[in-house]
Amino acid sequence: FQLVNDQVQILRLMPDQEIVYDREAVKEKMGVYPEQIGDLLAMV
């Protein structure tokens, strides 16, 4: 998730659907923005 920006998205594929994570989707899922993911993981 650290990589996500205007040009980079994370794609999660399931048999019947796909989930696309852009900057706002990362914030919704993880509680922080992509540039803060490294610090979040370091703390947790």
All heavy atoms as atom14 arrays in JSON, in Angstrom:
{
  "sequence": "FQLVNDQVQILRLMPDQEIVYDREAVKEKMGVYPEQIGDLLAMV",
  "atom14_mask": [
    [1, 1, 1, 1, 1, 1, 1, 1, 1, 1, 1, 0, 0, 0],
    [1, 1, 1, 1, 1, 1, 1, 1, 1, 0, 0, 0, 0, 0],
    [1, 1, 1, 1, 1, 1, 1, 1, 0, 0, 0, 0, 0, 0],
    [1, 1, 1, 1, 1, 1, 1, 0, 0, 0, 0, 0, 0, 0],
    [1, 1, 1, 1, 1, 1, 1, 1, 0, 0, 0, 0, 0, 0],
    [1, 1, 1, 1, 1, 1, 1, 1, 0, 0, 0, 0, 0, 0],
    [1, 1, 1, 1, 1, 1, 1, 1, 1, 0, 0, 0, 0, 0],
    [1, 1, 1, 1, 1, 1, 1, 0, 0, 0, 0, 0, 0, 0],
    [1, 1, 1, 1, 1, 1, 1, 1, 1, 0, 0, 0, 0, 0],
    [1, 1, 1, 1, 1, 1, 1, 1, 0, 0, 0, 0, 0, 0],
    [1, 1, 1, 1, 1, 1, 1, 1, 0, 0, 0, 0, 0, 0],
    [1, 1, 1, 1, 1, 1, 1, 1, 1, 1, 1, 0, 0, 0],
    [1, 1, 1, 1, 1, 1, 1, 1, 0, 0, 0, 0, 0, 0],
    [1, 1, 1, 1, 1, 1, 1, 1, 0, 0, 0, 0, 0, 0],
    [1, 1, 1, 1, 1, 1, 1, 0, 0, 0, 0, 0, 0, 0],
    [1, 1, 1, 1, 1, 1, 1, 1, 0, 0, 0, 0, 0, 0],
    [1, 1, 1, 1, 1, 1, 1, 1, 1, 0, 0, 0, 0, 0],
    [1, 1, 1, 1, 1, 1, 1, 1, 1, 0, 0, 0, 0, 0],
    [1, 1, 1, 1, 1, 1, 1, 1, 0, 0, 0, 0, 0, 0],
    [1, 1, 1, 1, 1, 1, 1, 0, 0, 0, 0, 0, 0, 0],
    [1, 1, 1, 1, 1, 1, 1, 1, 1, 1, 1, 1, 0, 0],
    [1, 1, 1, 1, 1, 1, 1, 1, 0, 0, 0, 0, 0, 0],
    [1, 1, 1, 1, 1, 1, 1, 1, 1, 1, 1, 0, 0, 0],
    [1, 1, 1, 1, 1, 1, 1, 1, 1, 0, 0, 0, 0, 0],
    [1, 1, 1, 1, 1, 0, 0, 0, 0, 0, 0, 0, 0, 0],
    [1, 1, 1, 1, 1, 1, 1, 0, 0, 0, 0, 0, 0, 0],
    [1, 1, 1, 1, 1, 1, 1, 1, 1, 0, 0, 0, 0, 0],
    [1, 1, 1, 1, 1, 1, 1, 1, 1, 0, 0, 0, 0, 0],
    [1, 1, 1, 1, 1, 1, 1, 1, 1, 0, 0, 0, 0, 0],
    [1, 1, 1, 1, 1, 1, 1, 1, 0, 0, 0, 0, 0, 0],
    [1, 1, 1, 1, 0, 0, 0, 0, 0, 0, 0, 0, 0, 0],
    [1, 1, 1, 1, 1, 1, 1, 0, 0, 0, 0, 0, 0, 0],
    [1, 1, 1, 1, 1, 1, 1, 1, 1, 1, 1, 1, 0, 0],
    [1, 1, 1, 1, 1, 1, 1, 0, 0, 0, 0, 0, 0, 0],
    [1, 1, 1, 1, 1, 1, 1, 1, 1, 0, 0, 0, 0, 0],
    [1, 1, 1, 1, 1, 1, 1, 1, 1, 0, 0, 0, 0, 0],
    [1, 1, 1, 1, 1, 1, 1, 1, 0, 0, 0, 0, 0, 0],
    [1, 1, 1, 1, 0, 0, 0, 0, 0, 0, 0, 0, 0, 0],
    [1, 1, 1, 1, 1, 1, 1, 1, 0, 0, 0, 0, 0, 0],
    [1, 1, 1, 1, 1, 1, 1, 1, 0, 0, 0, 0, 0, 0],
    [1, 1, 1, 1, 1, 1, 1, 1, 0, 0, 0, 0, 0, 0],
    [1, 1, 1, 1, 1, 0, 0, 0, 0, 0, 0, 0, 0, 0],
    [1, 1, 1, 1, 1, 1, 1, 1, 0, 0, 0, 0, 0, 0],
    [1, 1, 1, 1, 1, 1, 1, 0, 0, 0, 0, 0, 0, 0]
  ],
  "atom14_positions": [
    [[0.83, -1.21, 0.0], [0.0, 0.0, 0.0], [0.87, 1.26, 0.0], [0.41, 2.34, -0.37], [-0.93, 0.02, 1.22], [-2.16, -0.85, 1.07], [-2.57, -1.68, 2.11], [-2.9, -0.84, -0.1], [-3.7, -2.47, 1.99], [-4.04, -1.63, -0.24], [-4.44, -2.45, 0.81], [0.0, 0.0, 0.0], [0.0, 0.0, 0.0], [0.0, 0.0, 0.0]],
    [[2.14, 1.12, 0.44], [3.06, 2.26, 0.45], [3.26, 2.85, -0.94], [3.62, 4.02, -1.09], [4.43, 1.83, 1.0], [4.42, 1.29, 2.41], [5.8, 0.82, 2.84], [6.73, 1.61, 2.95], [5.92, -0.48, 3.09], [0.0, 0.0, 0.0], [0.0, 0.0, 0.0], [0.0, 0.0, 0.0], [0.0, 0.0, 0.0], [0.0, 0.0, 0.0]],
    [[3.04, 2.04, -1.97], [3.34, 2.46, -3.34], [2.22, 3.29, -3.98], [2.44, 3.94, -5.0], [3.59, 1.22, -4.22], [4.76, 0.32, -3.83], [4.8, -0.9, -4.72], [6.07, 1.09, -3.9], [0.0, 0.0, 0.0], [0.0, 0.0, 0.0], [0.0, 0.0, 0.0], [0.0, 0.0, 0.0], [0.0, 0.0, 0.0], [0.0, 0.0, 0.0]],
    [[1.05, 3.27, -3.4], [-0.12, 3.85, -4.06], [0.02, 5.37, -4.18], [0.36, 6.07, -3.23], [-1.41, 3.49, -3.3], [-2.6, 4.24, -3.86], [-1.65, 1.98, -3.36], [0.0, 0.0, 0.0], [0.0, 0.0, 0.0], [0.0, 0.0, 0.0], [0.0, 0.0, 0.0], [0.0, 0.0, 0.0], [0.0, 0.0, 0.0], [0.0, 0.0, 0.0]],
    [[-0.22, 5.86, -5.4], [-0.28, 7.31, -5.66], [-1.16, 7.53, -6.89], [-1.91, 6.62, -7.28], [1.12, 7.91, -5.84], [1.91, 7.22, -6.94], [1.37, 6.85, -7.99], [3.21, 7.03, -6.72], [0.0, 0.0, 0.0], [0.0, 0.0, 0.0], [0.0, 0.0, 0.0], [0.0, 0.0, 0.0], [0.0, 0.0, 0.0], [0.0, 0.0, 0.0]],
    [[-1.06, 8.67, -7.52], [-1.93, 8.97, -8.66], [-1.7, 8.03, -9.84], [-2.58, 7.85, -10.69], [-1.72, 10.41, -9.11], [-2.25, 11.42, -8.1], [-3.06, 11.0, -7.25], [-1.85, 12.6, -8.15], [0.0, 0.0, 0.0], [0.0, 0.0, 0.0], [0.0, 0.0, 0.0], [0.0, 0.0, 0.0], [0.0, 0.0, 0.0], [0.0, 0.0, 0.0]],
    [[-0.5, 7.42, -9.93], [-0.19, 6.52, -11.04], [-0.21, 5.05, -10.66], [-0.18, 4.18, -11.52], [1.2, 6.84, -11.62], [1.3, 8.11, -12.42], [2.71, 8.32, -12.93], [3.48, 9.06, -12.33], [3.07, 7.66, -14.02], [0.0, 0.0, 0.0], [0.0, 0.0, 0.0], [0.0, 0.0, 0.0], [0.0, 0.0, 0.0], [0.0, 0.0, 0.0]],
    [[-0.26, 4.76, -9.37], [-0.11, 3.38, -8.89], [-1.33, 2.98, -8.07], [-1.75, 3.7, -7.15], [1.16, 3.23, -8.03], [1.31, 1.78, -7.58], [2.39, 3.7, -8.79], [0.0, 0.0, 0.0], [0.0, 0.0, 0.0], [0.0, 0.0, 0.0], [0.0, 0.0, 0.0], [0.0, 0.0, 0.0], [0.0, 0.0, 0.0], [0.0, 0.0, 0.0]],
    [[-1.9, 1.82, -8.41], [-3.02, 1.26, -7.66], [-2.7, -0.18, -7.26], [-1.93, -0.86, -7.93], [-4.3, 1.26, -8.51], [-4.82, 2.64, -8.86], [-6.05, 2.58, -9.75], [-6.34, 1.57, -10.38], [-6.81, 3.67, -9.78], [0.0, 0.0, 0.0], [0.0, 0.0, 0.0], [0.0, 0.0, 0.0], [0.0, 0.0, 0.0], [0.0, 0.0, 0.0]],
    [[-3.3, -0.61, -6.16], [-3.23, -2.01, -5.74], [-4.5, -2.7, -6.22], [-5.61, -2.17, -6.05], [-3.09, -2.13, -4.22], [-1.79, -1.5, -3.73], [-3.17, -3.6, -3.79], [-0.54, -2.17, -4.24], [0.0, 0.0, 0.0], [0.0, 0.0, 0.0], [0.0, 0.0, 0.0], [0.0, 0.0, 0.0], [0.0, 0.0, 0.0], [0.0, 0.0, 0.0]],
    [[-4.33, -3.87, -6.81], [-5.47, -4.62, -7.35], [-5.56, -5.96, -6.64], [-4.59, -6.73, -6.62], [-5.27, -4.82, -8.85], [-6.4, -5.49, -9.64], [-7.67, -4.68, -9.55], [-5.98, -5.67, -11.09], [0.0, 0.0, 0.0], [0.0, 0.0, 0.0], [0.0, 0.0, 0.0], [0.0, 0.0, 0.0], [0.0, 0.0, 0.0], [0.0, 0.0, 0.0]],
    [[-6.68, -6.22, -6.02], [-6.91, -7.52, -5.38], [-7.99, -8.25, -6.14], [-9.11, -7.75, -6.3], [-7.28, -7.35, -3.91], [-6.1, -6.85, -3.08], [-6.33, -6.91, -1.59], [-5.12, -6.54, -0.87], [-5.04, -6.37, 0.44], [-6.13, -6.55, 1.18], [-3.91, -6.05, 1.02], [0.0, 0.0, 0.0], [0.0, 0.0, 0.0], [0.0, 0.0, 0.0]],
    [[-7.65, -9.45, -6.6], [-8.56, -10.22, -7.44], [-9.17, -11.37, -6.66], [-8.47, -12.11, -5.97], [-7.82, -10.76, -8.66], [-7.23, -9.72, -9.61], [-6.49, -10.41, -10.76], [-8.31, -8.8, -10.16], [0.0, 0.0, 0.0], [0.0, 0.0, 0.0], [0.0, 0.0, 0.0], [0.0, 0.0, 0.0], [0.0, 0.0, 0.0], [0.0, 0.0, 0.0]],
    [[-10.46, -11.54, -6.76], [-11.19, -12.66, -6.23], [-11.88, -13.37, -7.39], [-11.97, -12.81, -8.48], [-12.23, -12.21, -5.2], [-11.68, -12.1, -3.78], [-10.52, -10.73, -3.57], [-11.62, -9.34, -3.53], [0.0, 0.0, 0.0], [0.0, 0.0, 0.0], [0.0, 0.0, 0.0], [0.0, 0.0, 0.0], [0.0, 0.0, 0.0], [0.0, 0.0, 0.0]],
    [[-12.34, -14.6, -7.18], [-12.99, -15.32, -8.28], [-14.13, -14.56, -8.93], [-14.36, -14.67, -10.13], [-13.49, -16.61, -7.6], [-12.56, -16.81, -6.44], [-12.24, -15.43, -5.96], [0.0, 0.0, 0.0], [0.0, 0.0, 0.0], [0.0, 0.0, 0.0], [0.0, 0.0, 0.0], [0.0, 0.0, 0.0], [0.0, 0.0, 0.0], [0.0, 0.0, 0.0]],
    [[-14.88, -13.77, -8.14], [-16.06, -13.11, -8.68], [-16.01, -11.59, -8.61], [-16.98, -10.92, -8.94], [-17.31, -13.61, -7.96], [-17.22, -13.4, -6.45], [-16.11, -13.09, -5.96], [-18.25, -13.56, -5.77], [0.0, 0.0, 0.0], [0.0, 0.0, 0.0], [0.0, 0.0, 0.0], [0.0, 0.0, 0.0], [0.0, 0.0, 0.0], [0.0, 0.0, 0.0]],
    [[-14.89, -11.02, -8.16], [-14.81, -9.57, -8.1], [-13.37, -9.12, -8.01], [-12.45, -9.93, -7.83], [-15.57, -9.05, -6.87], [-14.95, -9.47, -5.54], [-15.59, -8.81, -4.34], [-15.96, -7.64, -4.4], [-15.74, -9.55, -3.24], [0.0, 0.0, 0.0], [0.0, 0.0, 0.0], [0.0, 0.0, 0.0], [0.0, 0.0, 0.0], [0.0, 0.0, 0.0]],
    [[-13.15, -7.82, -8.16], [-11.84, -7.24, -7.96], [-12.0, -5.96, -7.15], [-13.01, -5.26, -7.24], [-11.15, -6.95, -9.29], [-11.86, -5.93, -10.16], [-11.14, -5.69, -11.48], [-10.62, -6.67, -12.04], [-11.11, -4.53, -11.93], [0.0, 0.0, 0.0], [0.0, 0.0, 0.0], [0.0, 0.0, 0.0], [0.0, 0.0, 0.0], [0.0, 0.0, 0.0]],
    [[-11.01, -5.69, -6.31], [-11.02, -4.48, -5.49], [-9.82, -3.64, -5.89], [-8.69, -4.13, -5.94], [-10.94, -4.81, -3.99], [-12.11, -5.72, -3.58], [-10.95, -3.53, -3.16], [-12.04, -6.18, -2.14], [0.0, 0.0, 0.0], [0.0, 0.0, 0.0], [0.0, 0.0, 0.0], [0.0, 0.0, 0.0], [0.0, 0.0, 0.0], [0.0, 0.0, 0.0]],
    [[-10.07, -2.38, -6.18], [-9.02, -1.45, -6.58], [-8.77, -0.47, -5.43], [-9.7, 0.16, -4.91], [-9.41, -0.67, -7.85], [-8.31, 0.31, -8.23], [-9.67, -1.65, -9.0], [0.0, 0.0, 0.0], [0.0, 0.0, 0.0], [0.0, 0.0, 0.0], [0.0, 0.0, 0.0], [0.0, 0.0, 0.0], [0.0, 0.0, 0.0], [0.0, 0.0, 0.0]],
    [[-7.51, -0.37, -5.04], [-7.14, 0.55, -3.98], [-6.37, 1.73, -4.55], [-5.24, 1.59, -5.02], [-6.28, -0.16, -2.92], [-7.06, -1.15, -2.08], [-7.09, -2.49, -2.4], [-7.78, -0.71, -0.96], [-7.8, -3.4, -1.64], [-8.51, -1.61, -0.19], [-8.52, -2.95, -0.53], [-9.24, -3.84, 0.23], [0.0, 0.0, 0.0], [0.0, 0.0, 0.0]],
    [[-7.03, 2.9, -4.52], [-6.33, 4.14, -4.81], [-6.03, 4.8, -3.46], [-6.17, 4.19, -2.4], [-7.16, 5.05, -5.72], [-8.53, 5.38, -5.14], [-8.76, 5.12, -3.93], [-9.37, 5.89, -5.89], [0.0, 0.0, 0.0], [0.0, 0.0, 0.0], [0.0, 0.0, 0.0], [0.0, 0.0, 0.0], [0.0, 0.0, 0.0], [0.0, 0.0, 0.0]],
    [[-5.62, 6.06, -3.5], [-5.2, 6.73, -2.28], [-6.3, 6.76, -1.22], [-6.07, 6.42, -0.05], [-4.76, 8.15, -2.65], [-4.3, 9.0, -1.49], [-3.8, 10.36, -2.01], [-3.66, 11.31, -0.92], [-2.65, 11.36, -0.08], [-1.66, 10.47, -0.2], [-2.6, 12.26, 0.88], [0.0, 0.0, 0.0], [0.0, 0.0, 0.0], [0.0, 0.0, 0.0]],
    [[-7.51, 7.13, -1.61], [-8.6, 7.24, -0.64], [-9.05, 5.86, -0.13], [-9.44, 5.71, 1.02], [-9.78, 7.99, -1.25], [-9.51, 9.46, -1.5], [-9.14, 10.22, -0.23], [-9.7, 9.88, 0.85], [-8.3, 11.14, -0.3], [0.0, 0.0, 0.0], [0.0, 0.0, 0.0], [0.0, 0.0, 0.0], [0.0, 0.0, 0.0], [0.0, 0.0, 0.0]],
    [[-8.99, 4.84, -1.01], [-9.38, 3.49, -0.59], [-8.4, 2.94, 0.44], [-8.79, 2.2, 1.35], [-9.47, 2.58, -1.81], [0.0, 0.0, 0.0], [0.0, 0.0, 0.0], [0.0, 0.0, 0.0], [0.0, 0.0, 0.0], [0.0, 0.0, 0.0], [0.0, 0.0, 0.0], [0.0, 0.0, 0.0], [0.0, 0.0, 0.0], [0.0, 0.0, 0.0]],
    [[-7.12, 3.27, 0.29], [-6.13, 2.86, 1.28], [-6.44, 3.5, 2.63], [-6.39, 2.85, 3.68], [-4.7, 3.22, 0.82], [-3.69, 2.99, 1.95], [-4.3, 2.41, -0.4], [0.0, 0.0, 0.0], [0.0, 0.0, 0.0], [0.0, 0.0, 0.0], [0.0, 0.0, 0.0], [0.0, 0.0, 0.0], [0.0, 0.0, 0.0], [0.0, 0.0, 0.0]],
    [[-6.76, 4.79, 2.61], [-7.09, 5.49, 3.85], [-8.31, 4.87, 4.52], [-8.34, 4.68, 5.75], [-7.38, 6.97, 3.54], [-7.81, 7.82, 4.75], [-6.7, 7.96, 5.76], [-6.94, 9.12, 6.73], [-8.1, 8.91, 7.6], [0.0, 0.0, 0.0], [0.0, 0.0, 0.0], [0.0, 0.0, 0.0], [0.0, 0.0, 0.0], [0.0, 0.0, 0.0]],
    [[-9.3, 4.52, 3.73], [-10.51, 3.92, 4.29], [-10.23, 2.56, 4.92], [-10.77, 2.23, 5.98], [-11.58, 3.78, 3.2], [-12.89, 3.21, 3.71], [-13.95, 3.11, 2.63], [-13.72, 3.64, 1.51], [-15.0, 2.5, 2.89], [0.0, 0.0, 0.0], [0.0, 0.0, 0.0], [0.0, 0.0, 0.0], [0.0, 0.0, 0.0], [0.0, 0.0, 0.0]],
    [[-9.38, 1.77, 4.29], [-9.1, 0.42, 4.79], [-8.12, 0.43, 5.96], [-8.32, -0.28, 6.96], [-8.54, -0.46, 3.67], [-8.22, -1.88, 4.14], [-7.82, -2.79, 3.01], [-7.48, -4.19, 3.53], [-8.64, -4.85, 4.2], [0.0, 0.0, 0.0], [0.0, 0.0, 0.0], [0.0, 0.0, 0.0], [0.0, 0.0, 0.0], [0.0, 0.0, 0.0]],
    [[-7.05, 1.21, 5.84], [-5.96, 1.14, 6.81], [-6.0, 2.25, 7.86], [-5.29, 2.18, 8.87], [-4.62, 1.19, 6.07], [-4.43, 0.1, 5.04], [-4.42, -1.56, 5.75], [-2.88, -1.53, 6.66], [0.0, 0.0, 0.0], [0.0, 0.0, 0.0], [0.0, 0.0, 0.0], [0.0, 0.0, 0.0], [0.0, 0.0, 0.0], [0.0, 0.0, 0.0]],
    [[-6.78, 3.29, 7.61], [-6.86, 4.38, 8.56], [-5.83, 5.47, 8.35], [-5.86, 6.5, 9.03], [0.0, 0.0, 0.0], [0.0, 0.0, 0.0], [0.0, 0.0, 0.0], [0.0, 0.0, 0.0], [0.0, 0.0, 0.0], [0.0, 0.0, 0.0], [0.0, 0.0, 0.0], [0.0, 0.0, 0.0], [0.0, 0.0, 0.0], [0.0, 0.0, 0.0]],
    [[-4.9, 5.27, 7.4], [-3.88, 6.27, 7.09], [-3.69, 6.3, 5.57], [-4.12, 5.38, 4.85], [-2.52, 5.95, 7.77], [-2.65, 5.98, 9.29], [-1.98, 4.6, 7.29], [0.0, 0.0, 0.0], [0.0, 0.0, 0.0], [0.0, 0.0, 0.0], [0.0, 0.0, 0.0], [0.0, 0.0, 0.0], [0.0, 0.0, 0.0], [0.0, 0.0, 0.0]],
    [[-3.01, 7.33, 5.1], [-2.74, 7.45, 3.66], [-1.49, 6.63, 3.28], [-0.7, 6.24, 4.16], [-2.56, 8.92, 3.29], [-3.87, 9.68, 3.22], [-4.22, 10.58, 4.22], [-4.75, 9.46, 2.17], [-5.43, 11.26, 4.16], [-5.96, 10.14, 2.1], [-6.29, 11.03, 3.1], [-7.5, 11.69, 3.03], [0.0, 0.0, 0.0], [0.0, 0.0, 0.0]],
    [[-1.32, 6.34, 1.99], [-0.21, 5.49, 1.56], [1.16, 5.91, 2.1], [1.97, 5.06, 2.49], [-0.26, 5.58, 0.03], [-1.71, 5.82, -0.26], [-2.19, 6.69, 0.85], [0.0, 0.0, 0.0], [0.0, 0.0, 0.0], [0.0, 0.0, 0.0], [0.0, 0.0, 0.0], [0.0, 0.0, 0.0], [0.0, 0.0, 0.0], [0.0, 0.0, 0.0]],
    [[1.44, 7.22, 2.14], [2.75, 7.68, 2.59], [2.96, 7.44, 4.09], [4.09, 7.56, 4.59], [2.95, 9.16, 2.27], [1.93, 10.09, 2.9], [0.71, 10.34, 2.02], [0.43, 9.5, 1.13], [0.04, 11.37, 2.23], [0.0, 0.0, 0.0], [0.0, 0.0, 0.0], [0.0, 0.0, 0.0], [0.0, 0.0, 0.0], [0.0, 0.0, 0.0]],
    [[1.89, 7.07, 4.8], [2.01, 6.78, 6.23], [2.0, 5.28, 6.54], [2.15, 4.88, 7.7], [0.84, 7.45, 6.98], [0.81, 8.96, 6.91], [-0.46, 9.53, 7.52], [-1.56, 9.23, 7.05], [-0.3, 10.34, 8.56], [0.0, 0.0, 0.0], [0.0, 0.0, 0.0], [0.0, 0.0, 0.0], [0.0, 0.0, 0.0], [0.0, 0.0, 0.0]],
    [[1.82, 4.47, 5.51], [1.71, 3.02, 5.72], [2.97, 2.45, 6.35], [2.92, 1.62, 7.26], [1.4, 2.3, 4.39], [-0.03, 2.59, 3.95], [1.62, 0.78, 4.52], [-1.1, 1.97, 4.82], [0.0, 0.0, 0.0], [0.0, 0.0, 0.0], [0.0, 0.0, 0.0], [0.0, 0.0, 0.0], [0.0, 0.0, 0.0], [0.0, 0.0, 0.0]],
    [[4.15, 2.88, 5.89], [5.4, 2.38, 6.46], [5.49, 2.66, 7.95], [5.88, 1.78, 8.74], [0.0, 0.0, 0.0], [0.0, 0.0, 0.0], [0.0, 0.0, 0.0], [0.0, 0.0, 0.0], [0.0, 0.0, 0.0], [0.0, 0.0, 0.0], [0.0, 0.0, 0.0], [0.0, 0.0, 0.0], [0.0, 0.0, 0.0], [0.0, 0.0, 0.0]],
    [[5.11, 3.86, 8.35], [5.13, 4.2, 9.78], [4.09, 3.4, 10.56], [4.33, 2.97, 11.69], [4.87, 5.7, 9.97], [6.08, 6.55, 9.58], [7.17, 5.97, 9.37], [5.94, 7.79, 9.5], [0.0, 0.0, 0.0], [0.0, 0.0, 0.0], [0.0, 0.0, 0.0], [0.0, 0.0, 0.0], [0.0, 0.0, 0.0], [0.0, 0.0, 0.0]],
    [[2.92, 3.2, 9.96], [1.87, 2.41, 10.61], [2.36, 1.0, 10.88], [2.23, 0.47, 12.0], [0.62, 2.38, 9.72], [-0.55, 1.55, 10.25], [-1.23, 2.27, 11.41], [-1.56, 1.26, 9.14], [0.0, 0.0, 0.0], [0.0, 0.0, 0.0], [0.0, 0.0, 0.0], [0.0, 0.0, 0.0], [0.0, 0.0, 0.0], [0.0, 0.0, 0.0]],
    [[2.95, 0.38, 9.87], [3.43, -1.0, 10.02], [4.6, -1.07, 11.0], [4.75, -2.07, 11.71], [3.84, -1.56, 8.66], [2.72, -1.64, 7.61], [3.27, -2.15, 6.28], [1.59, -2.54, 8.09], [0.0, 0.0, 0.0], [0.0, 0.0, 0.0], [0.0, 0.0, 0.0], [0.0, 0.0, 0.0], [0.0, 0.0, 0.0], [0.0, 0.0, 0.0]],
    [[5.44, -0.04, 11.01], [6.56, -0.01, 11.95], [6.06, 0.06, 13.39], [6.65, -0.54, 14.3], [7.47, 1.16, 11.63], [0.0, 0.0, 0.0], [0.0, 0.0, 0.0], [0.0, 0.0, 0.0], [0.0, 0.0, 0.0], [0.0, 0.0, 0.0], [0.0, 0.0, 0.0], [0.0, 0.0, 0.0], [0.0, 0.0, 0.0], [0.0, 0.0, 0.0]],
    [[4.99, 0.8, 13.62], [4.45, 0.93, 14.97], [3.71, -0.33, 15.42], [3.83, -0.76, 16.57], [3.52, 2.14, 15.05], [4.22, 3.48, 14.85], [3.08, 4.9, 14.81], [2.53, 4.92, 16.53], [0.0, 0.0, 0.0], [0.0, 0.0, 0.0], [0.0, 0.0, 0.0], [0.0, 0.0, 0.0], [0.0, 0.0, 0.0], [0.0, 0.0, 0.0]],
    [[2.97, -0.93, 14.51], [2.13, -2.08, 14.86], [2.94, -3.38, 14.86], [2.7, -4.3, 15.64], [0.94, -2.19, 13.87], [0.14, -3.46, 14.13], [0.05, -0.97, 13.99], [0.0, 0.0, 0.0], [0.0, 0.0, 0.0], [0.0, 0.0, 0.0], [0.0, 0.0, 0.0], [0.0, 0.0, 0.0], [0.0, 0.0, 0.0], [0.0, 0.0, 0.0]]
  ]
}
